[in-house]
Amino acid sequence: MDADFEQHYQAAERAYGLGEYAEAHAISSALWDQLQSASNDHDPSLVLGWRAVVSLLLGHIQLHGL
């Protein structure tokens, strides 16, 4: 994953923090889809770590936001 991915994740966190749950969900869902289709070009432990972080954020959005 690259700096662009991290910036998108930070945007999702920021939207969640501001109470913009639909936007946070849209960004996080797109990131999740990107992680699901990550090729073998990426370090598997890095992809697994990002999956954990993004899924945690999605869970918070679902439970507390939507």
PDB file of N, CA and C in Angstrom:
ATOM      1  N   MET A   1       0.838  -1.149   0.000  1.00  0.00           N
ATOM      2  CA  MET A   1       0.000   0.000   0.000  1.00  0.00           C
ATOM      3  C   MET A   1       0.901   1.236   0.000  1.00  0.00           C
ATOM      4  N   ASP A   2       0.424   2.283  -0.572  1.00  0.00           N
ATOM      5  CA  ASP A   2       1.268   3.457  -0.753  1.00  0.00           C
ATOM      6  C   ASP A   2       0.751   4.643   0.053  1.00  0.00           C
ATOM      7  N   ALA A   3       1.404   5.768  -0.122  1.00  0.00           N
ATOM      8  CA  ALA A   3       1.025   6.985   0.607  1.00  0.00           C
ATOM      9  C   ALA A   3      -0.381   7.437   0.224  1.00  0.00           C
ATOM     10  N   ASP A   4      -0.772   7.201  -1.025  1.00  0.00           N
ATOM     11  CA  ASP A   4      -2.112   7.568  -1.474  1.00  0.00           C
ATOM     12  C   ASP A   4      -3.171   6.789  -0.687  1.00  0.00           C
ATOM     13  N   PHE A   5      -2.918   5.504  -0.469  1.00  0.00           N
ATOM     14  CA  PHE A   5      -3.834   4.678   0.316  1.00  0.00           C
ATOM     15  C   PHE A   5      -3.952   5.228   1.733  1.00  0.00           C
ATOM     16  N   GLU A   6      -2.821   5.562   2.317  1.00  0.00           N
ATOM     17  CA  GLU A   6      -2.815   6.097   3.680  1.00  0.00           C
ATOM     18  C   GLU A   6      -3.564   7.432   3.753  1.00  0.00           C
ATOM     19  N   GLN A   7      -3.406   8.268   2.746  1.00  0.00           N
ATOM     20  CA  GLN A   7      -4.123   9.549   2.724  1.00  0.00           C
ATOM     21  C   GLN A   7      -5.634   9.336   2.646  1.00  0.00           C
ATOM     22  N   HIS A   8      -6.047   8.348   1.863  1.00  0.00           N
ATOM     23  CA  HIS A   8      -7.474   8.045   1.780  1.00  0.00           C
ATOM     24  C   HIS A   8      -7.986   7.516   3.123  1.00  0.00           C
ATOM     25  N   TYR A   9      -7.185   6.696   3.775  1.00  0.00           N
ATOM     26  CA  TYR A   9      -7.589   6.197   5.086  1.00  0.00           C
ATOM     27  C   TYR A   9      -7.733   7.353   6.073  1.00  0.00           C
ATOM     28  N   GLN A  10      -6.789   8.265   6.051  1.00  0.00           N
ATOM     29  CA  GLN A  10      -6.862   9.421   6.947  1.00  0.00           C
ATOM     30  C   GLN A  10      -8.087  10.281   6.644  1.00  0.00           C
ATOM     31  N   ALA A  11      -8.447  10.376   5.379  1.00  0.00           N
ATOM     32  CA  ALA A  11      -9.658  11.119   5.000  1.00  0.00           C
ATOM     33  C   ALA A  11     -10.900  10.429   5.561  1.00  0.00           C
ATOM     34  N   ALA A  12     -10.915   9.103   5.543  1.00  0.00           N
ATOM     35  CA  ALA A  12     -12.038   8.353   6.107  1.00  0.00           C
ATOM     36  C   ALA A  12     -12.123   8.565   7.610  1.00  0.00           C
ATOM     37  N   GLU A  13     -10.986   8.524   8.284  1.00  0.00           N
ATOM     38  CA  GLU A  13     -10.964   8.777   9.731  1.00  0.00           C
ATOM     39  C   GLU A  13     -11.443  10.189  10.055  1.00  0.00           C
ATOM     40  N   ARG A  14     -11.004  11.138   9.269  1.00  0.00           N
ATOM     41  CA  ARG A  14     -11.387  12.535   9.474  1.00  0.00           C
ATOM     42  C   ARG A  14     -12.900  12.692   9.290  1.00  0.00           C
ATOM     43  N   ALA A  15     -13.438  12.089   8.253  1.00  0.00           N
ATOM     44  CA  ALA A  15     -14.878  12.164   8.004  1.00  0.00           C
ATOM     45  C   ALA A  15     -15.645  11.516   9.159  1.00  0.00           C
ATOM     46  N   TYR A  16     -15.166  10.404   9.638  1.00  0.00           N
ATOM     47  CA  TYR A  16     -15.810   9.742  10.778  1.00  0.00           C
ATOM     48  C   TYR A  16     -15.787  10.653  12.003  1.00  0.00           C
ATOM     49  N   GLY A  17     -14.649  11.253  12.261  1.00  0.00           N
ATOM     50  CA  GLY A  17     -14.512  12.149  13.406  1.00  0.00           C
ATOM     51  C   GLY A  17     -15.410  13.368  13.325  1.00  0.00           C
ATOM     52  N   LEU A  18     -15.699  13.807  12.110  1.00  0.00           N
ATOM     53  CA  LEU A  18     -16.561  14.971  11.900  1.00  0.00           C
ATOM     54  C   LEU A  18     -18.045  14.602  11.839  1.00  0.00           C
ATOM     55  N   GLY A  19     -18.320  13.312  11.968  1.00  0.00           N
ATOM     56  CA  GLY A  19     -19.710  12.867  11.925  1.00  0.00           C
ATOM     57  C   GLY A  19     -20.264  12.713  10.527  1.00  0.00           C
ATOM     58  N   GLU A  20     -19.408  12.715   9.533  1.00  0.00           N
ATOM     59  CA  GLU A  20     -19.817  12.531   8.136  1.00  0.00           C
ATOM     60  C   GLU A  20     -19.735  11.041   7.808  1.00  0.00           C
ATOM     61  N   TYR A  21     -20.679  10.294   8.391  1.00  0.00           N
ATOM     62  CA  TYR A  21     -20.595   8.834   8.372  1.00  0.00           C
ATOM     63  C   TYR A  21     -20.767   8.227   6.987  1.00  0.00           C
ATOM     64  N   ALA A  22     -21.635   8.796   6.175  1.00  0.00           N
ATOM     65  CA  ALA A  22     -21.832   8.259   4.827  1.00  0.00           C
ATOM     66  C   ALA A  22     -20.549   8.404   4.008  1.00  0.00           C
ATOM     67  N   GLU A  23     -19.896   9.552   4.127  1.00  0.00           N
ATOM     68  CA  GLU A  23     -18.633   9.758   3.404  1.00  0.00           C
ATOM     69  C   GLU A  23     -17.553   8.820   3.943  1.00  0.00           C
ATOM     70  N   ALA A  24     -17.468   8.715   5.258  1.00  0.00           N
ATOM     71  CA  ALA A  24     -16.478   7.825   5.866  1.00  0.00           C
ATOM     72  C   ALA A  24     -16.700   6.389   5.412  1.00  0.00           C
ATOM     73  N   HIS A  25     -17.963   5.990   5.338  1.00  0.00           N
ATOM     74  CA  HIS A  25     -18.280   4.629   4.905  1.00  0.00           C
ATOM     75  C   HIS A  25     -17.901   4.420   3.444  1.00  0.00           C
ATOM     76  N   ALA A  26     -18.192   5.387   2.610  1.00  0.00           N
ATOM     77  CA  ALA A  26     -17.872   5.260   1.182  1.00  0.00           C
ATOM     78  C   ALA A  26     -16.367   5.130   0.965  1.00  0.00           C
ATOM     79  N   ILE A  27     -15.597   5.960   1.644  1.00  0.00           N
ATOM     80  CA  ILE A  27     -14.137   5.917   1.487  1.00  0.00           C
ATOM     81  C   ILE A  27     -13.597   4.597   2.023  1.00  0.00           C
ATOM     82  N   SER A  28     -14.052   4.209   3.211  1.00  0.00           N
ATOM     83  CA  SER A  28     -13.566   2.974   3.837  1.00  0.00           C
ATOM     84  C   SER A  28     -13.938   1.749   3.017  1.00  0.00           C
ATOM     85  N   SER A  29     -15.137   1.740   2.471  1.00  0.00           N
ATOM     86  CA  SER A  29     -15.565   0.606   1.640  1.00  0.00           C
ATOM     87  C   SER A  29     -14.702   0.486   0.392  1.00  0.00           C
ATOM     88  N   ALA A  30     -14.371   1.627  -0.200  1.00  0.00           N
ATOM     89  CA  ALA A  30     -13.495   1.606  -1.378  1.00  0.00           C
ATOM     90  C   ALA A  30     -12.109   1.084  -1.010  1.00  0.00           C
ATOM     91  N   LEU A  31     -11.623   1.492   0.153  1.00  0.00           N
ATOM     92  CA  LEU A  31     -10.328   0.991   0.610  1.00  0.00           C
ATOM     93  C   LEU A  31     -10.388  -0.512   0.851  1.00  0.00           C
ATOM     94  N   TRP A  32     -11.473  -0.974   1.457  1.00  0.00           N
ATOM     95  CA  TRP A  32     -11.641  -2.404   1.722  1.00  0.00           C
ATOM     96  C   TRP A  32     -11.629  -3.197   0.409  1.00  0.00           C
ATOM     97  N   ASP A  33     -12.355  -2.686  -0.591  1.00  0.00           N
ATOM     98  CA  ASP A  33     -12.381  -3.350  -1.893  1.00  0.00           C
ATOM     99  C   ASP A  33     -10.991  -3.392  -2.510  1.00  0.00           C
ATOM    100  N   GLN A  34     -10.254  -2.319  -2.334  1.00  0.00           N
ATOM    101  CA  GLN A  34      -8.888  -2.260  -2.861  1.00  0.00           C
ATOM    102  C   GLN A  34      -8.012  -3.303  -2.159  1.00  0.00           C
ATOM    103  N   LEU A  35      -8.193  -3.459  -0.873  1.00  0.00           N
ATOM    104  CA  LEU A  35      -7.419  -4.454  -0.124  1.00  0.00           C
ATOM    105  C   LEU A  35      -7.795  -5.877  -0.522  1.00  0.00           C
ATOM    106  N   GLN A  36      -9.069  -6.098  -0.782  1.00  0.00           N
ATOM    107  CA  GLN A  36      -9.523  -7.427  -1.167  1.00  0.00           C
ATOM    108  C   GLN A  36      -8.938  -7.859  -2.506  1.00  0.00           C
ATOM    109  N   SER A  37      -8.687  -6.901  -3.367  1.00  0.00           N
ATOM    110  CA  SER A  37      -8.152  -7.228  -4.681  1.00  0.00           C
ATOM    111  C   SER A  37      -6.648  -6.966  -4.776  1.00  0.00           C
ATOM    112  N   ALA A  38      -6.000  -6.766  -3.620  1.00  0.00           N
ATOM    113  CA  ALA A  38      -4.555  -6.504  -3.621  1.00  0.00           C
ATOM    114  C   ALA A  38      -3.825  -7.704  -4.209  1.00  0.00           C
ATOM    115  N   SER A  39      -2.939  -7.416  -5.103  1.00  0.00           N
ATOM    116  CA  SER A  39      -2.190  -8.482  -5.762  1.00  0.00           C
ATOM    117  C   SER A  39      -1.020  -8.926  -4.891  1.00  0.00           C
ATOM    118  N   ASN A  40      -0.321  -9.898  -5.382  1.00  0.00           N
ATOM    119  CA  ASN A  40       0.844 -10.414  -4.664  1.00  0.00           C
ATOM    120  C   ASN A  40       2.024  -9.454  -4.713  1.00  0.00           C
ATOM    121  N   ASP A  41       1.832  -8.298  -5.361  1.00  0.00           N
ATOM    122  CA  ASP A  41       2.896  -7.305  -5.437  1.00  0.00           C
ATOM    123  C   ASP A  41       3.143  -6.650  -4.084  1.00  0.00           C
ATOM    124  N   HIS A  42       2.167  -6.767  -3.171  1.00  0.00           N
ATOM    125  CA  HIS A  42       2.274  -6.128  -1.865  1.00  0.00           C
ATOM    126  C   HIS A  42       2.650  -7.151  -0.807  1.00  0.00           C
ATOM    127  N   ASP A  43       3.331  -6.690   0.207  1.00  0.00           N
ATOM    128  CA  ASP A  43       3.711  -7.528   1.338  1.00  0.00           C
ATOM    129  C   ASP A  43       2.439  -8.048   2.019  1.00  0.00           C
ATOM    130  N   PRO A  44       2.269  -9.365   2.129  1.00  0.00           N
ATOM    131  CA  PRO A  44       1.043  -9.917   2.720  1.00  0.00           C
ATOM    132  C   PRO A  44       0.782  -9.435   4.146  1.00  0.00           C
ATOM    133  N   SER A  45       1.822  -9.244   4.939  1.00  0.00           N
ATOM    134  CA  SER A  45       1.605  -8.780   6.309  1.00  0.00           C
ATOM    135  C   SER A  45       1.139  -7.328   6.318  1.00  0.00           C
ATOM    136  N   LEU A  46       1.580  -6.539   5.370  1.00  0.00           N
ATOM    137  CA  LEU A  46       1.122  -5.161   5.253  1.00  0.00           C
ATOM    138  C   LEU A  46      -0.351  -5.112   4.866  1.00  0.00           C
ATOM    139  N   VAL A  47      -0.738  -5.929   3.912  1.00  0.00           N
ATOM    140  CA  VAL A  47      -2.136  -5.994   3.484  1.00  0.00           C
ATOM    141  C   VAL A  47      -3.010  -6.465   4.642  1.00  0.00           C
ATOM    142  N   LEU A  48      -2.557  -7.480   5.366  1.00  0.00           N
ATOM    143  CA  LEU A  48      -3.314  -7.990   6.504  1.00  0.00           C
ATOM    144  C   LEU A  48      -3.479  -6.917   7.579  1.00  0.00           C
ATOM    145  N   GLY A  49      -2.420  -6.170   7.845  1.00  0.00           N
ATOM    146  CA  GLY A  49      -2.499  -5.088   8.820  1.00  0.00           C
ATOM    147  C   GLY A  49      -3.489  -4.019   8.415  1.00  0.00           C
ATOM    148  N   TRP A  50      -3.452  -3.620   7.149  1.00  0.00           N
ATOM    149  CA  TRP A  50      -4.398  -2.609   6.670  1.00  0.00           C
ATOM    150  C   TRP A  50      -5.827  -3.140   6.691  1.00  0.00           C
ATOM    151  N   ARG A  51      -5.996  -4.436   6.392  1.00  0.00           N
ATOM    152  CA  ARG A  51      -7.346  -5.010   6.466  1.00  0.00           C
ATOM    153  C   ARG A  51      -7.898  -4.905   7.881  1.00  0.00           C
ATOM    154  N   ALA A  52      -7.065  -5.163   8.866  1.00  0.00           N
ATOM    155  CA  ALA A  52      -7.503  -5.069  10.260  1.00  0.00           C
ATOM    156  C   ALA A  52      -7.912  -3.645  10.603  1.00  0.00           C
ATOM    157  N   VAL A  53      -7.097  -2.682  10.209  1.00  0.00           N
ATOM    158  CA  VAL A  53      -7.363  -1.272  10.543  1.00  0.00           C
ATOM    159  C   VAL A  53      -8.623  -0.780   9.826  1.00  0.00           C
ATOM    160  N   VAL A  54      -8.751  -1.076   8.557  1.00  0.00           N
ATOM    161  CA  VAL A  54      -9.910  -0.619   7.789  1.00  0.00           C
ATOM    162  C   VAL A  54     -11.189  -1.302   8.283  1.00  0.00           C
ATOM    163  N   SER A  55     -11.113  -2.595   8.601  1.00  0.00           N
ATOM    164  CA  SER A  55     -12.312  -3.278   9.082  1.00  0.00           C
ATOM    165  C   SER A  55     -12.738  -2.735  10.441  1.00  0.00           C
ATOM    166  N   LEU A  56     -11.784  -2.360  11.273  1.00  0.00           N
ATOM    167  CA  LEU A  56     -12.113  -1.753  12.564  1.00  0.00           C
ATOM    168  C   LEU A  56     -12.831  -0.421  12.363  1.00  0.00           C
ATOM    169  N   LEU A  57     -12.334   0.393  11.454  1.00  0.00           N
ATOM    170  CA  LEU A  57     -12.985   1.666  11.164  1.00  0.00           C
ATOM    171  C   LEU A  57     -14.387   1.440  10.605  1.00  0.00           C
ATOM    172  N   LEU A  58     -14.526   0.479   9.698  1.00  0.00           N
ATOM    173  CA  LEU A  58     -15.854   0.182   9.155  1.00  0.00           C
ATOM    174  C   LEU A  58     -16.810  -0.271  10.249  1.00  0.00           C
ATOM    175  N   GLY A  59     -16.315  -1.045  11.196  1.00  0.00           N
ATOM    176  CA  GLY A  59     -17.150  -1.482  12.306  1.00  0.00           C
ATOM    177  C   GLY A  59     -17.614  -0.312  13.151  1.00  0.00           C
ATOM    178  N   HIS A  60     -16.720   0.613  13.421  1.00  0.00           N
ATOM    179  CA  HIS A  60     -17.096   1.796  14.191  1.00  0.00           C
ATOM    180  C   HIS A  60     -18.129   2.637  13.436  1.00  0.00           C
ATOM    181  N   ILE A  61     -17.936   2.766  12.152  1.00  0.00           N
ATOM    182  CA  ILE A  61     -18.886   3.541  11.349  1.00  0.00           C
ATOM    183  C   ILE A  61     -20.261   2.875  11.415  1.00  0.00           C
ATOM    184  N   GLN A  62     -20.314   1.564  11.269  1.00  0.00           N
ATOM    185  CA  GLN A  62     -21.589   0.853  11.295  1.00  0.00           C
ATOM    186  C   GLN A  62     -22.253   0.936  12.672  1.00  0.00           C
ATOM    187  N   LEU A  63     -21.484   0.745  13.724  1.00  0.00           N
ATOM    188  CA  LEU A  63     -22.062   0.696  15.069  1.00  0.00           C
ATOM    189  C   LEU A  63     -22.410   2.068  15.633  1.00  0.00           C
ATOM    190  N   HIS A  64     -21.563   3.053  15.373  1.00  0.00           N
ATOM    191  CA  HIS A  64     -21.742   4.352  16.013  1.00  0.00           C
ATOM    192  C   HIS A  64     -22.261   5.422  15.064  1.00  0.00           C
ATOM    193  N   GLY A  65     -22.110   5.204  13.789  1.00  0.00           N
ATOM    194  CA  GLY A  65     -22.472   6.255  12.842  1.00  0.00           C
ATOM    195  C   GLY A  65     -23.750   5.972  12.088  1.00  0.00           C
ATOM    196  N   LEU A  66     -23.816   4.799  11.508  1.00  0.00           N
ATOM    197  CA  LEU A  66     -24.971   4.486  10.675  1.00  0.00           C
ATOM    198  C   LEU A  66     -25.961   3.668  11.467  1.00  0.00           C
TER     199      LEU A  66
END
